[in-house]
Amino acid sequence: MNFDILNLAAETTTQSGGFGMVGLIIMYAVIFGVMYFILIRPQKKKQKEEKKMRENLQVGDEIVTIGGIYGRVISLKEDTIVIESQSDHSKLTVARWALQSNLTVHDDAPLK
């Protein structure tokens, strides 16, 4: 009788666990796919747009830095830009990566 209980327990674990490994792999693939389309893909798209905005910057553009400083671009260098603040016309040198947005709309820019 004790043998029948062990045999029955072994049969139920093999029957329920037959799809276990394949199902686990499929579940991980689905979770990774969802995470890619929800988190990774939009972040890469946003980084690509920001890079394009920083590369297309021109002298005279009105910009906002990450720190919230509004200003106009006076000169461009490879890694830095010089801006003139709007309030007291003081000149600031900031890194290109510190630009948040370009407020100037160019004619060649596509409309959203």
N, C-alpha and C. Protein backbone atom coordinates (compact mmCIF):
# COMPACT_ATOMS: atom_id res chain seq x y z
N MET A 1 0.82 -1.18 0.00
CA MET A 1 0.00 0.00 0.00
C MET A 1 0.87 1.26 0.00
N ASN A 2 1.90 1.25 0.73
CA ASN A 2 2.83 2.37 0.78
C ASN A 2 3.46 2.59 -0.60
N PHE A 3 3.69 1.51 -1.32
CA PHE A 3 4.27 1.59 -2.65
C PHE A 3 3.31 2.26 -3.63
N ASP A 4 2.00 2.02 -3.50
CA ASP A 4 0.99 2.61 -4.38
C ASP A 4 0.92 4.13 -4.20
N ILE A 5 1.07 4.61 -2.99
CA ILE A 5 1.03 6.04 -2.74
C ILE A 5 2.24 6.73 -3.38
N LEU A 6 3.43 6.13 -3.28
CA LEU A 6 4.63 6.70 -3.90
C LEU A 6 4.52 6.67 -5.42
N ASN A 7 3.99 5.61 -5.96
CA ASN A 7 3.81 5.48 -7.40
C ASN A 7 2.82 6.54 -7.90
N LEU A 8 1.75 6.75 -7.18
CA LEU A 8 0.76 7.75 -7.55
C LEU A 8 1.36 9.16 -7.49
N ALA A 9 2.17 9.44 -6.48
CA ALA A 9 2.81 10.75 -6.35
C ALA A 9 3.80 10.98 -7.48
N ALA A 10 4.52 9.93 -7.90
CA ALA A 10 5.49 10.06 -8.99
C ALA A 10 4.77 10.33 -10.31
N GLU A 11 3.62 9.68 -10.52
CA GLU A 11 2.88 9.88 -11.77
C GLU A 11 2.33 11.31 -11.86
N THR A 12 1.84 11.85 -10.77
CA THR A 12 1.28 13.20 -10.82
C THR A 12 2.35 14.25 -11.03
N THR A 13 3.56 14.06 -10.49
CA THR A 13 4.62 15.05 -10.71
C THR A 13 5.13 15.00 -12.13
N THR A 14 5.20 13.85 -12.75
CA THR A 14 5.67 13.80 -14.13
C THR A 14 4.61 14.33 -15.08
N GLN A 15 3.35 14.11 -14.77
CA GLN A 15 2.30 14.62 -15.64
C GLN A 15 2.21 16.14 -15.58
N SER A 16 2.31 16.72 -14.42
CA SER A 16 2.20 18.16 -14.31
C SER A 16 3.50 18.86 -14.69
N GLY A 17 4.62 18.17 -14.58
CA GLY A 17 5.91 18.79 -14.87
C GLY A 17 6.39 18.56 -16.29
N GLY A 18 5.62 17.90 -17.14
CA GLY A 18 6.04 17.64 -18.51
C GLY A 18 6.19 18.93 -19.32
N PHE A 19 5.34 19.88 -19.10
CA PHE A 19 5.38 21.16 -19.80
C PHE A 19 6.15 22.20 -19.00
N GLY A 20 6.61 21.85 -17.85
CA GLY A 20 7.23 22.79 -16.92
C GLY A 20 8.44 23.51 -17.48
N MET A 21 9.42 22.80 -18.02
CA MET A 21 10.65 23.43 -18.49
C MET A 21 10.40 24.25 -19.75
N VAL A 22 9.65 23.70 -20.68
CA VAL A 22 9.34 24.42 -21.91
C VAL A 22 8.46 25.64 -21.59
N GLY A 23 7.50 25.45 -20.73
CA GLY A 23 6.63 26.55 -20.33
C GLY A 23 7.38 27.65 -19.62
N LEU A 24 8.36 27.27 -18.81
CA LEU A 24 9.18 28.26 -18.11
C LEU A 24 10.01 29.08 -19.09
N ILE A 25 10.58 28.44 -20.07
CA ILE A 25 11.38 29.14 -21.09
C ILE A 25 10.49 30.07 -21.91
N ILE A 26 9.32 29.60 -22.27
CA ILE A 26 8.39 30.44 -23.04
C ILE A 26 7.95 31.64 -22.20
N MET A 27 7.70 31.41 -20.91
CA MET A 27 7.28 32.49 -20.03
C MET A 27 8.37 33.55 -19.90
N TYR A 28 9.62 33.12 -19.74
CA TYR A 28 10.73 34.07 -19.67
C TYR A 28 10.88 34.86 -20.97
N ALA A 29 10.70 34.19 -22.10
CA ALA A 29 10.80 34.87 -23.40
C ALA A 29 9.69 35.92 -23.54
N VAL A 30 8.50 35.60 -23.11
CA VAL A 30 7.39 36.55 -23.19
C VAL A 30 7.63 37.74 -22.26
N ILE A 31 8.11 37.47 -21.06
CA ILE A 31 8.39 38.56 -20.11
C ILE A 31 9.48 39.47 -20.67
N PHE A 32 10.56 38.89 -21.22
CA PHE A 32 11.63 39.69 -21.80
C PHE A 32 11.11 40.52 -22.98
N GLY A 33 10.27 39.93 -23.82
CA GLY A 33 9.70 40.65 -24.96
C GLY A 33 8.85 41.82 -24.52
N VAL A 34 8.03 41.62 -23.51
CA VAL A 34 7.19 42.71 -23.00
C VAL A 34 8.06 43.81 -22.40
N MET A 35 9.07 43.44 -21.63
CA MET A 35 9.96 44.43 -21.03
C MET A 35 10.70 45.22 -22.11
N TYR A 36 11.09 44.54 -23.18
CA TYR A 36 11.79 45.23 -24.28
C TYR A 36 10.90 46.29 -24.90
N PHE A 37 9.65 45.91 -25.21
CA PHE A 37 8.77 46.86 -25.90
C PHE A 37 8.22 47.93 -24.97
N ILE A 38 8.18 47.69 -23.67
CA ILE A 38 7.66 48.70 -22.75
C ILE A 38 8.76 49.63 -22.24
N LEU A 39 9.95 49.10 -21.97
CA LEU A 39 11.00 49.90 -21.34
C LEU A 39 12.17 50.23 -22.26
N ILE A 40 12.78 49.25 -22.86
CA ILE A 40 14.04 49.45 -23.58
C ILE A 40 13.84 50.19 -24.89
N ARG A 41 12.90 49.78 -25.70
CA ARG A 41 12.70 50.38 -27.02
C ARG A 41 12.34 51.87 -26.95
N PRO A 42 11.39 52.28 -26.11
CA PRO A 42 11.10 53.72 -26.04
C PRO A 42 12.28 54.55 -25.53
N GLN A 43 13.06 53.98 -24.59
CA GLN A 43 14.21 54.71 -24.07
C GLN A 43 15.25 54.92 -25.16
N LYS A 44 15.51 53.90 -25.98
CA LYS A 44 16.47 54.05 -27.08
C LYS A 44 15.97 55.05 -28.11
N LYS A 45 14.69 55.05 -28.37
CA LYS A 45 14.11 56.01 -29.33
C LYS A 45 14.27 57.43 -28.81
N LYS A 46 14.03 57.64 -27.52
CA LYS A 46 14.17 58.96 -26.93
C LYS A 46 15.63 59.42 -26.96
N GLN A 47 16.58 58.52 -26.66
CA GLN A 47 18.00 58.87 -26.72
C GLN A 47 18.42 59.23 -28.13
N LYS A 48 17.88 58.54 -29.11
CA LYS A 48 18.20 58.83 -30.52
C LYS A 48 17.70 60.22 -30.91
N GLU A 49 16.49 60.58 -30.48
CA GLU A 49 15.93 61.90 -30.78
C GLU A 49 16.73 63.01 -30.09
N GLU A 50 17.15 62.77 -28.84
CA GLU A 50 17.94 63.77 -28.12
C GLU A 50 19.30 63.97 -28.79
N LYS A 51 19.90 62.90 -29.24
CA LYS A 51 21.20 63.01 -29.93
C LYS A 51 21.05 63.81 -31.22
N LYS A 52 19.99 63.55 -31.96
CA LYS A 52 19.74 64.28 -33.20
C LYS A 52 19.51 65.76 -32.92
N MET A 53 18.77 66.07 -31.84
CA MET A 53 18.52 67.46 -31.47
C MET A 53 19.82 68.17 -31.13
N ARG A 54 20.70 67.51 -30.40
CA ARG A 54 21.98 68.13 -30.01
C ARG A 54 22.91 68.31 -31.20
N GLU A 55 22.86 67.41 -32.17
CA GLU A 55 23.70 67.52 -33.35
C GLU A 55 23.21 68.62 -34.30
N ASN A 56 21.91 68.86 -34.34
CA ASN A 56 21.32 69.86 -35.24
C ASN A 56 21.21 71.24 -34.61
N LEU A 57 21.84 71.46 -33.49
CA LEU A 57 21.80 72.74 -32.81
C LEU A 57 22.53 73.80 -33.63
N GLN A 58 21.97 75.01 -33.68
CA GLN A 58 22.56 76.10 -34.45
C GLN A 58 22.71 77.33 -33.57
N VAL A 59 23.60 78.22 -33.98
CA VAL A 59 23.78 79.49 -33.26
C VAL A 59 22.49 80.29 -33.38
N GLY A 60 22.03 80.83 -32.27
CA GLY A 60 20.80 81.61 -32.23
C GLY A 60 19.59 80.83 -31.75
N ASP A 61 19.73 79.53 -31.57
CA ASP A 61 18.61 78.72 -31.09
C ASP A 61 18.33 79.02 -29.62
N GLU A 62 17.05 79.03 -29.28
CA GLU A 62 16.63 79.17 -27.89
C GLU A 62 16.58 77.76 -27.28
N ILE A 63 17.27 77.56 -26.16
CA ILE A 63 17.37 76.23 -25.57
C ILE A 63 17.03 76.28 -24.08
N VAL A 64 16.80 75.08 -23.52
CA VAL A 64 16.62 74.90 -22.08
C VAL A 64 17.58 73.81 -21.66
N THR A 65 18.33 74.04 -20.57
CA THR A 65 19.25 73.03 -20.06
C THR A 65 18.52 72.11 -19.09
N ILE A 66 19.18 71.03 -18.71
CA ILE A 66 18.60 70.10 -17.76
C ILE A 66 18.34 70.79 -16.42
N GLY A 67 19.18 71.76 -16.08
CA GLY A 67 19.02 72.49 -14.83
C GLY A 67 17.94 73.55 -14.88
N GLY A 68 17.29 73.75 -16.03
CA GLY A 68 16.21 74.71 -16.15
C GLY A 68 16.64 76.11 -16.56
N ILE A 69 17.85 76.25 -17.08
CA ILE A 69 18.34 77.56 -17.53
C ILE A 69 17.90 77.78 -18.97
N TYR A 70 17.22 78.88 -19.21
CA TYR A 70 16.80 79.26 -20.56
C TYR A 70 17.88 80.17 -21.13
N GLY A 71 18.18 79.98 -22.42
CA GLY A 71 19.17 80.84 -23.03
C GLY A 71 19.21 80.70 -24.53
N ARG A 72 20.07 81.51 -25.15
CA ARG A 72 20.26 81.50 -26.59
C ARG A 72 21.69 81.06 -26.87
N VAL A 73 21.88 80.20 -27.87
CA VAL A 73 23.19 79.68 -28.22
C VAL A 73 24.02 80.78 -28.86
N ILE A 74 25.22 81.02 -28.31
CA ILE A 74 26.14 82.03 -28.82
C ILE A 74 27.21 81.37 -29.69
N SER A 75 27.78 80.26 -29.21
CA SER A 75 28.79 79.55 -30.00
C SER A 75 28.72 78.06 -29.70
N LEU A 76 29.15 77.27 -30.69
CA LEU A 76 29.13 75.82 -30.59
C LEU A 76 30.55 75.28 -30.66
N LYS A 77 30.84 74.33 -29.80
CA LYS A 77 32.10 73.60 -29.86
C LYS A 77 31.76 72.12 -29.90
N GLU A 78 32.78 71.28 -29.92
CA GLU A 78 32.52 69.85 -30.06
C GLU A 78 31.72 69.28 -28.89
N ASP A 79 32.16 69.54 -27.66
CA ASP A 79 31.50 68.98 -26.49
C ASP A 79 30.76 70.02 -25.65
N THR A 80 30.98 71.30 -25.91
CA THR A 80 30.35 72.34 -25.10
C THR A 80 29.68 73.38 -26.00
N ILE A 81 28.80 74.15 -25.38
CA ILE A 81 28.19 75.29 -26.07
C ILE A 81 28.22 76.48 -25.11
N VAL A 82 28.23 77.66 -25.67
CA VAL A 82 28.16 78.89 -24.88
C VAL A 82 26.78 79.47 -25.12
N ILE A 83 26.07 79.73 -24.01
CA ILE A 83 24.73 80.30 -24.12
C ILE A 83 24.69 81.63 -23.39
N GLU A 84 23.76 82.45 -23.81
CA GLU A 84 23.52 83.74 -23.16
C GLU A 84 22.17 83.63 -22.47
N SER A 85 22.15 83.87 -21.16
CA SER A 85 20.89 83.75 -20.42
C SER A 85 19.95 84.88 -20.82
N GLN A 86 18.68 84.64 -20.67
CA GLN A 86 17.69 85.62 -21.10
C GLN A 86 17.51 86.76 -20.10
N SER A 87 17.71 86.48 -18.84
CA SER A 87 17.40 87.50 -17.83
C SER A 87 18.44 88.61 -17.77
N ASP A 88 19.71 88.26 -17.58
CA ASP A 88 20.73 89.32 -17.41
C ASP A 88 21.81 89.26 -18.50
N HIS A 89 21.60 88.50 -19.53
CA HIS A 89 22.51 88.37 -20.67
C HIS A 89 23.92 87.93 -20.26
N SER A 90 24.02 87.13 -19.22
CA SER A 90 25.33 86.59 -18.85
C SER A 90 25.60 85.35 -19.70
N LYS A 91 26.89 85.10 -19.96
CA LYS A 91 27.27 83.98 -20.81
C LYS A 91 27.67 82.80 -19.94
N LEU A 92 27.19 81.62 -20.33
CA LEU A 92 27.46 80.38 -19.61
C LEU A 92 27.97 79.34 -20.59
N THR A 93 28.94 78.57 -20.15
CA THR A 93 29.41 77.44 -20.94
C THR A 93 28.83 76.17 -20.32
N VAL A 94 28.12 75.40 -21.13
CA VAL A 94 27.50 74.16 -20.65
C VAL A 94 27.88 73.02 -21.59
N ALA A 95 27.83 71.82 -21.07
CA ALA A 95 28.10 70.64 -21.88
C ALA A 95 26.92 70.37 -22.80
N ARG A 96 27.19 69.78 -23.95
CA ARG A 96 26.09 69.47 -24.89
C ARG A 96 25.10 68.49 -24.31
N TRP A 97 25.60 67.53 -23.51
CA TRP A 97 24.69 66.53 -22.95
C TRP A 97 23.72 67.14 -21.94
N ALA A 98 24.00 68.37 -21.48
CA ALA A 98 23.14 69.03 -20.50
C ALA A 98 21.96 69.76 -21.13
N LEU A 99 21.79 69.66 -22.44
CA LEU A 99 20.65 70.30 -23.10
C LEU A 99 19.42 69.42 -22.95
N GLN A 100 18.33 70.03 -22.57
CA GLN A 100 17.09 69.28 -22.44
C GLN A 100 16.24 69.41 -23.69
N SER A 101 16.09 70.64 -24.18
CA SER A 101 15.25 70.82 -25.36
C SER A 101 15.66 72.07 -26.13
N ASN A 102 15.33 72.05 -27.40
CA ASN A 102 15.55 73.18 -28.29
C ASN A 102 14.18 73.80 -28.55
N LEU A 103 14.00 75.05 -28.15
CA LEU A 103 12.70 75.71 -28.29
C LEU A 103 12.49 76.34 -29.65
N THR A 104 13.56 76.47 -30.45
CA THR A 104 13.48 77.08 -31.77
C THR A 104 12.98 76.04 -32.77
N VAL A 105 11.98 76.43 -33.55
CA VAL A 105 11.45 75.55 -34.59
C VAL A 105 12.08 75.95 -35.91
N HIS A 106 12.74 75.00 -36.56
CA HIS A 106 13.37 75.24 -37.86
C HIS A 106 12.42 74.82 -38.97
N ASP A 107 12.56 75.46 -40.12
CA ASP A 107 11.68 75.16 -41.27
C ASP A 107 11.89 73.75 -41.78
N ASP A 108 13.12 73.22 -41.69
CA ASP A 108 13.42 71.89 -42.23
C ASP A 108 13.04 70.78 -41.26
N ALA A 109 12.62 71.10 -40.05
CA ALA A 109 12.24 70.09 -39.06
C ALA A 109 10.84 69.55 -39.38
N PRO A 110 10.65 68.23 -39.30
CA PRO A 110 9.33 67.67 -39.57
C PRO A 110 8.36 67.99 -38.43
N LEU A 111 7.12 68.26 -38.79
CA LEU A 111 6.09 68.56 -37.79
C LEU A 111 5.52 67.26 -37.24
N LYS A 112 5.19 67.27 -35.94
CA LYS A 112 4.62 66.05 -35.33
C LYS A 112 3.12 66.12 -35.31
